Amino acid sequence: MITLIQIIYSVILGVVQGVSEWLPISSKTQILVTATYLLKLTYSQAYTFGLFMEIGSSLAAIIYFRREIWALLQVVVGNRDPMKKRLFVYVLTATVCTGVIGTPLYLFADSLTGIPVWLPMMVIGFVLIGDAFFIRHSRKKHSQGGNVRKLENLSFKDYVLIGIAQGIAALPGVSRSGITTSTLLLMKVEADEAFRLSFIIGIFASLAAFSLTVIATRANVASAVAGVGITGIFIAIVSATIVSLFLIDFLLKIAKSSKIVYLTAALGLIAIGSSILYFALGVGAAFG
């Protein structure tokens, strides 16, 4: 029978996953740290659990983007609508590239005892701050008659680059949503479209990450499950799903407004602040 402390731990893990998945601070890294302290897992076990917990965020994204998922299924059964086909090709290309890049990186990272996660967070933070200036410039240019990019303006090469960027996010410290959204923004894609396209391909990357942990590193998943129990895992996933739904909706609404410039800059500062914190903790542990 699940205990009160296990319920508390499960909710904490779910909330951490639900919040950090959509911010540029790497959800798997936040779960890695949280699970290490709460469940006393090893680095490898906690890293695997971080990817395992992405199932909660995936469920939220599937619910939120159910129309897009339905459009993809329609293409599979023969629908010839040009925009639906373009979305299908984008998702398929990006997902395949993510798998090719991300799988070996996951297996490599899983074999290590620790990775300096602060550095990629720092890089993404500065990129996001740069993105804020890009967004401001592109919207000013658009108001003056300039062009902004959407899915229909992206090329197959763009799909590949986005997929590669997402694959790199298999490494600890690299935020999936942070790196893919930044890549799309640097391609001069309109802010709300960049967030939407990033979140959509994240569904399939997260499902693949979840499947990979179950197939390749079942022992690590079992160690995490033992810490909170099957019921606890269920509570954690439900918590992550609920929190994710609210955060996805919030970010997409902000992305359509002028406030996205400030939000993107704030996300960059959050990433930089997190990287400094992790660096300080690493230095403290080395000399402690």
Protein backbone atom coordinates (compact mmCIF):
# COMPACT_ATOMS: atom_id res chain seq x y z
CA MET A 1 0.00 0.00 0.00
CA ILE A 2 1.32 3.44 -0.91
CA THR A 3 2.44 5.65 1.95
CA LEU A 4 1.82 9.37 2.43
CA ILE A 5 5.48 10.19 1.81
CA GLN A 6 5.38 8.23 -1.46
CA ILE A 7 2.30 10.21 -2.55
CA ILE A 8 4.08 13.48 -1.75
CA TYR A 9 7.20 12.38 -3.63
CA SER A 10 5.06 11.30 -6.60
CA VAL A 11 3.27 14.65 -6.80
CA ILE A 12 6.57 16.51 -6.54
CA LEU A 13 8.07 14.45 -9.37
CA GLY A 14 4.97 15.02 -11.50
CA VAL A 15 4.95 18.77 -10.95
CA VAL A 16 8.69 19.03 -11.65
CA GLN A 17 8.21 17.11 -14.90
CA GLY A 18 5.11 19.07 -15.92
CA VAL A 19 6.79 22.44 -15.39
CA SER A 20 10.33 21.77 -16.59
CA GLU A 21 9.35 19.93 -19.80
CA TRP A 22 8.17 23.18 -21.35
CA LEU A 23 10.86 25.47 -19.95
CA PRO A 24 14.48 25.63 -21.20
CA ILE A 25 15.87 23.88 -18.13
CA SER A 26 15.81 20.21 -19.27
CA SER A 27 13.06 18.20 -17.58
CA LYS A 28 15.16 15.03 -17.50
CA THR A 29 17.87 16.92 -15.61
CA GLN A 30 15.38 18.30 -13.09
CA ILE A 31 13.90 14.83 -12.57
CA LEU A 32 17.43 13.42 -12.38
CA VAL A 33 18.30 15.76 -9.52
CA THR A 34 14.92 15.43 -7.78
CA ALA A 35 14.86 11.63 -8.03
CA THR A 36 18.45 11.41 -6.82
CA TYR A 37 17.57 13.26 -3.61
CA LEU A 38 14.05 11.91 -3.01
CA LEU A 39 14.43 8.31 -4.17
CA LYS A 40 18.18 7.91 -3.57
CA LEU A 41 18.74 6.69 -7.12
CA THR A 42 22.12 6.48 -8.81
CA TYR A 43 22.96 8.92 -11.62
CA SER A 44 22.16 6.34 -14.31
CA GLN A 45 18.88 5.29 -12.69
CA ALA A 46 17.74 8.88 -12.18
CA TYR A 47 18.69 9.86 -15.74
CA THR A 48 16.63 6.97 -17.12
CA PHE A 49 13.73 7.91 -14.86
CA GLY A 50 13.88 11.47 -16.19
CA LEU A 51 13.24 10.20 -19.71
CA PHE A 52 10.63 7.72 -18.47
CA MET A 53 8.63 10.54 -16.86
CA GLU A 54 8.25 12.30 -20.21
CA ILE A 55 5.22 10.08 -20.82
CA GLY A 56 3.17 12.47 -18.66
CA SER A 57 4.08 15.47 -20.80
CA SER A 58 3.42 13.43 -23.95
CA LEU A 59 -0.11 12.60 -22.83
CA ALA A 60 -0.77 16.28 -22.17
CA ALA A 61 0.51 17.30 -25.61
CA ILE A 62 -1.55 14.57 -27.30
CA ILE A 63 -4.68 15.89 -25.58
CA TYR A 64 -3.88 19.53 -26.37
CA PHE A 65 -2.87 18.91 -29.99
CA ARG A 66 -5.51 16.27 -30.66
CA ARG A 67 -6.58 18.01 -33.90
CA GLU A 68 -3.03 17.87 -35.25
CA ILE A 69 -2.70 14.22 -34.22
CA TRP A 70 -5.99 13.47 -35.98
CA ALA A 71 -4.69 15.24 -39.10
CA LEU A 72 -1.58 13.03 -39.06
CA LEU A 73 -3.71 9.90 -38.78
CA GLN A 74 -5.83 11.06 -41.70
CA VAL A 75 -2.72 11.32 -43.88
CA VAL A 76 -1.74 7.77 -42.90
CA VAL A 77 -5.08 6.46 -44.22
CA GLY A 78 -4.82 8.42 -47.48
CA ASN A 79 -5.91 12.02 -46.93
CA ARG A 80 -4.28 14.24 -49.59
CA ASP A 81 -4.81 17.64 -48.00
CA PRO A 82 -1.57 19.62 -48.72
CA MET A 83 -1.23 21.19 -45.26
CA LYS A 84 -1.90 17.91 -43.47
CA LYS A 85 0.66 16.18 -45.69
CA ARG A 86 3.21 18.92 -44.98
CA LEU A 87 2.66 18.53 -41.23
CA PHE A 88 3.05 14.75 -41.60
CA VAL A 89 6.33 15.07 -43.54
CA TYR A 90 7.63 17.58 -40.99
CA VAL A 91 6.81 15.34 -38.02
CA LEU A 92 8.11 12.17 -39.70
CA THR A 93 11.39 13.76 -40.87
CA ALA A 94 12.12 15.49 -37.57
CA THR A 95 11.27 12.35 -35.57
CA VAL A 96 13.49 10.07 -37.68
CA CYS A 97 16.41 12.50 -37.41
CA THR A 98 15.82 12.76 -33.66
CA GLY A 99 15.99 8.98 -33.33
CA VAL A 100 19.17 8.69 -35.38
CA ILE A 101 20.94 11.34 -33.30
CA GLY A 102 19.26 10.84 -29.93
CA THR A 103 19.42 7.07 -29.46
CA PRO A 104 23.24 6.72 -29.43
CA LEU A 105 23.51 9.88 -27.30
CA TYR A 106 21.05 8.41 -24.78
CA LEU A 107 22.95 5.12 -24.57
CA PHE A 108 26.22 7.04 -24.20
CA ALA A 109 24.85 9.32 -21.46
CA ASP A 110 23.29 6.37 -19.63
CA SER A 111 26.72 4.73 -19.33
CA LEU A 112 28.29 7.74 -17.59
CA THR A 113 28.37 8.57 -13.91
CA GLY A 114 27.87 12.30 -14.39
CA ILE A 115 27.81 15.07 -16.98
CA PRO A 116 28.38 18.84 -16.48
CA VAL A 117 24.75 19.77 -17.20
CA TRP A 118 25.31 23.47 -16.50
CA LEU A 119 27.11 24.19 -19.78
CA PRO A 120 24.32 23.31 -22.28
CA MET A 121 21.82 25.14 -20.07
CA MET A 122 24.02 28.23 -20.20
CA VAL A 123 24.30 28.06 -23.99
CA ILE A 124 20.55 27.63 -24.48
CA GLY A 125 19.93 30.51 -22.08
CA PHE A 126 22.01 32.93 -24.13
CA VAL A 127 20.45 31.63 -27.36
CA LEU A 128 16.95 32.30 -25.99
CA ILE A 129 17.91 35.85 -25.01
CA GLY A 130 19.16 36.30 -28.57
CA ASP A 131 15.87 34.83 -29.79
CA ALA A 132 13.99 37.53 -27.89
CA PHE A 133 15.76 40.17 -29.98
CA PHE A 134 15.04 38.15 -33.15
CA ILE A 135 11.33 38.01 -32.27
CA ARG A 136 11.18 41.75 -31.63
CA HIS A 137 12.99 42.49 -34.87
CA SER A 138 10.90 40.06 -36.95
CA ARG A 139 7.60 41.41 -35.59
CA LYS A 140 8.69 44.96 -36.26
CA LYS A 141 9.69 43.95 -39.78
CA HIS A 142 6.37 42.11 -40.24
CA SER A 143 4.44 45.24 -39.19
CA GLN A 144 6.33 47.08 -41.93
CA GLY A 145 5.36 44.52 -44.55
CA GLY A 146 8.14 41.97 -44.08
CA ASN A 147 7.64 38.21 -44.24
CA VAL A 148 7.55 35.78 -41.33
CA ARG A 149 7.89 32.04 -41.72
CA LYS A 150 5.36 29.34 -40.93
CA LEU A 151 5.33 25.59 -41.52
CA GLU A 152 4.48 26.03 -45.20
CA ASN A 153 7.62 28.15 -45.66
CA LEU A 154 10.00 25.61 -44.16
CA SER A 155 12.02 23.24 -46.35
CA PHE A 156 12.97 19.59 -45.95
CA LYS A 157 16.44 20.76 -44.89
CA ASP A 158 14.83 22.79 -42.11
CA TYR A 159 12.95 19.68 -40.93
CA VAL A 160 16.23 17.76 -40.75
CA LEU A 161 17.99 20.50 -38.76
CA ILE A 162 15.10 20.70 -36.30
CA GLY A 163 15.19 16.92 -35.86
CA ILE A 164 18.94 16.95 -35.26
CA ALA A 165 18.54 19.70 -32.67
CA GLN A 166 15.87 17.68 -30.89
CA GLY A 167 18.09 14.58 -30.95
CA ILE A 168 20.86 16.46 -29.15
CA ALA A 169 18.38 17.00 -26.32
CA ALA A 170 18.90 13.36 -25.32
CA LEU A 171 21.94 14.61 -23.40
CA PRO A 172 21.44 15.71 -19.79
CA GLY A 173 21.27 19.46 -19.41
CA VAL A 174 19.90 20.04 -22.90
CA SER A 175 16.26 21.16 -22.89
CA ARG A 176 14.24 19.58 -25.70
CA SER A 177 11.70 22.39 -25.90
CA GLY A 178 14.44 24.98 -25.42
CA ILE A 179 16.68 23.77 -28.22
CA THR A 180 13.91 23.07 -30.75
CA THR A 181 12.06 26.32 -30.11
CA SER A 182 15.35 28.25 -30.33
CA THR A 183 16.20 26.53 -33.61
CA LEU A 184 12.80 27.43 -35.08
CA LEU A 185 13.06 31.02 -33.88
CA LEU A 186 16.54 31.33 -35.39
CA MET A 187 14.94 30.16 -38.67
CA LYS A 188 12.74 33.27 -38.34
CA VAL A 189 9.59 31.26 -37.71
CA GLU A 190 6.79 33.28 -36.07
CA ALA A 191 6.94 32.82 -32.29
CA ASP A 192 3.58 31.11 -31.74
CA GLU A 193 4.23 28.80 -34.70
CA ALA A 194 7.72 27.97 -33.35
CA PHE A 195 6.32 26.94 -29.96
CA ARG A 196 3.52 24.94 -31.60
CA LEU A 197 5.82 23.07 -33.99
CA SER A 198 8.30 22.38 -31.19
CA PHE A 199 5.62 20.98 -28.89
CA ILE A 200 4.09 18.78 -31.62
CA ILE A 201 7.30 16.95 -32.54
CA GLY A 202 8.07 16.72 -28.83
CA ILE A 203 5.16 14.28 -28.49
CA PHE A 204 6.88 11.66 -30.61
CA ALA A 205 10.34 12.31 -29.18
CA SER A 206 8.99 11.86 -25.65
CA LEU A 207 7.11 8.68 -26.55
CA ALA A 208 10.27 7.32 -28.17
CA ALA A 209 12.33 8.24 -25.09
CA PHE A 210 9.81 6.52 -22.84
CA SER A 211 9.86 3.38 -25.01
CA LEU A 212 13.65 3.34 -25.13
CA THR A 213 13.92 3.40 -21.34
CA VAL A 214 11.47 0.51 -21.02
CA ILE A 215 13.25 -1.53 -23.69
CA ALA A 216 16.92 -0.72 -23.12
CA THR A 217 17.17 0.09 -19.41
CA ARG A 218 14.30 -1.69 -17.66
CA ALA A 219 16.38 -2.25 -14.52
CA ASN A 220 16.82 1.49 -13.98
CA VAL A 221 13.10 2.10 -14.44
CA ALA A 222 12.34 -0.69 -11.96
CA SER A 223 14.59 0.96 -9.37
CA ALA A 224 12.64 4.20 -9.67
CA VAL A 225 9.28 2.42 -9.54
CA ALA A 226 10.38 0.67 -6.35
CA GLY A 227 10.89 4.07 -4.73
CA VAL A 228 7.27 5.25 -5.05
CA GLY A 229 5.42 2.11 -6.15
CA ILE A 230 3.17 1.51 -9.15
CA THR A 231 0.43 3.72 -7.69
CA GLY A 232 3.01 6.45 -7.07
CA ILE A 233 4.17 6.33 -10.69
CA PHE A 234 0.55 6.67 -11.80
CA ILE A 235 0.09 9.71 -9.53
CA ALA A 236 3.31 11.26 -10.85
CA ILE A 237 2.27 10.78 -14.49
CA VAL A 238 -1.23 12.22 -13.88
CA SER A 239 0.29 15.19 -12.04
CA ALA A 240 2.73 15.81 -14.90
CA THR A 241 -0.11 15.61 -17.43
CA ILE A 242 -2.34 18.12 -15.61
CA VAL A 243 0.46 20.63 -15.00
CA SER A 244 1.67 20.27 -18.60
CA LEU A 245 -1.78 21.04 -20.02
CA PHE A 246 -1.93 24.33 -18.14
CA LEU A 247 1.62 25.30 -19.07
CA ILE A 248 1.25 24.48 -22.78
CA ASP A 249 -1.87 26.61 -22.98
CA PHE A 250 -0.21 29.47 -21.10
CA LEU A 251 2.92 29.50 -23.27
CA LEU A 252 1.01 29.36 -26.56
CA LYS A 253 -1.28 32.20 -25.51
CA ILE A 254 1.71 34.33 -24.52
CA ALA A 255 3.48 33.42 -27.79
CA LYS A 256 0.66 35.08 -29.75
CA SER A 257 1.03 38.34 -27.86
CA SER A 258 3.72 41.00 -27.64
CA LYS A 259 4.66 39.60 -24.23
CA ILE A 260 6.48 36.70 -25.93
CA VAL A 261 9.59 38.90 -26.25
CA TYR A 262 9.76 39.28 -22.48
CA LEU A 263 8.81 35.64 -21.87
CA THR A 264 11.57 34.36 -24.17
CA ALA A 265 14.13 36.61 -22.48
CA ALA A 266 12.87 35.46 -19.08
CA LEU A 267 13.19 31.81 -20.14
CA GLY A 268 16.76 32.53 -21.17
CA LEU A 269 17.50 34.06 -17.79
CA ILE A 270 15.93 31.05 -16.06
CA ALA A 271 18.19 28.72 -18.05
CA ILE A 272 21.28 30.80 -17.25
CA GLY A 273 20.31 30.99 -13.57
CA SER A 274 19.81 27.22 -13.45
CA SER A 275 23.18 26.62 -15.10
CA ILE A 276 24.92 28.84 -12.53
CA LEU A 277 23.16 26.98 -9.72
CA TYR A 278 24.19 23.59 -11.08
CA PHE A 279 27.76 24.82 -11.59
CA ALA A 280 27.89 26.06 -7.99
CA LEU A 281 26.50 22.76 -6.70
CA GLY A 282 29.10 20.87 -8.71
CA VAL A 283 31.94 23.01 -7.36
CA GLY A 284 30.57 22.64 -3.84
CA ALA A 285 30.39 18.86 -4.20
CA ALA A 286 33.96 18.73 -5.53
CA PHE A 287 35.36 20.65 -2.57
CA GLY A 288 32.84 19.43 0.02
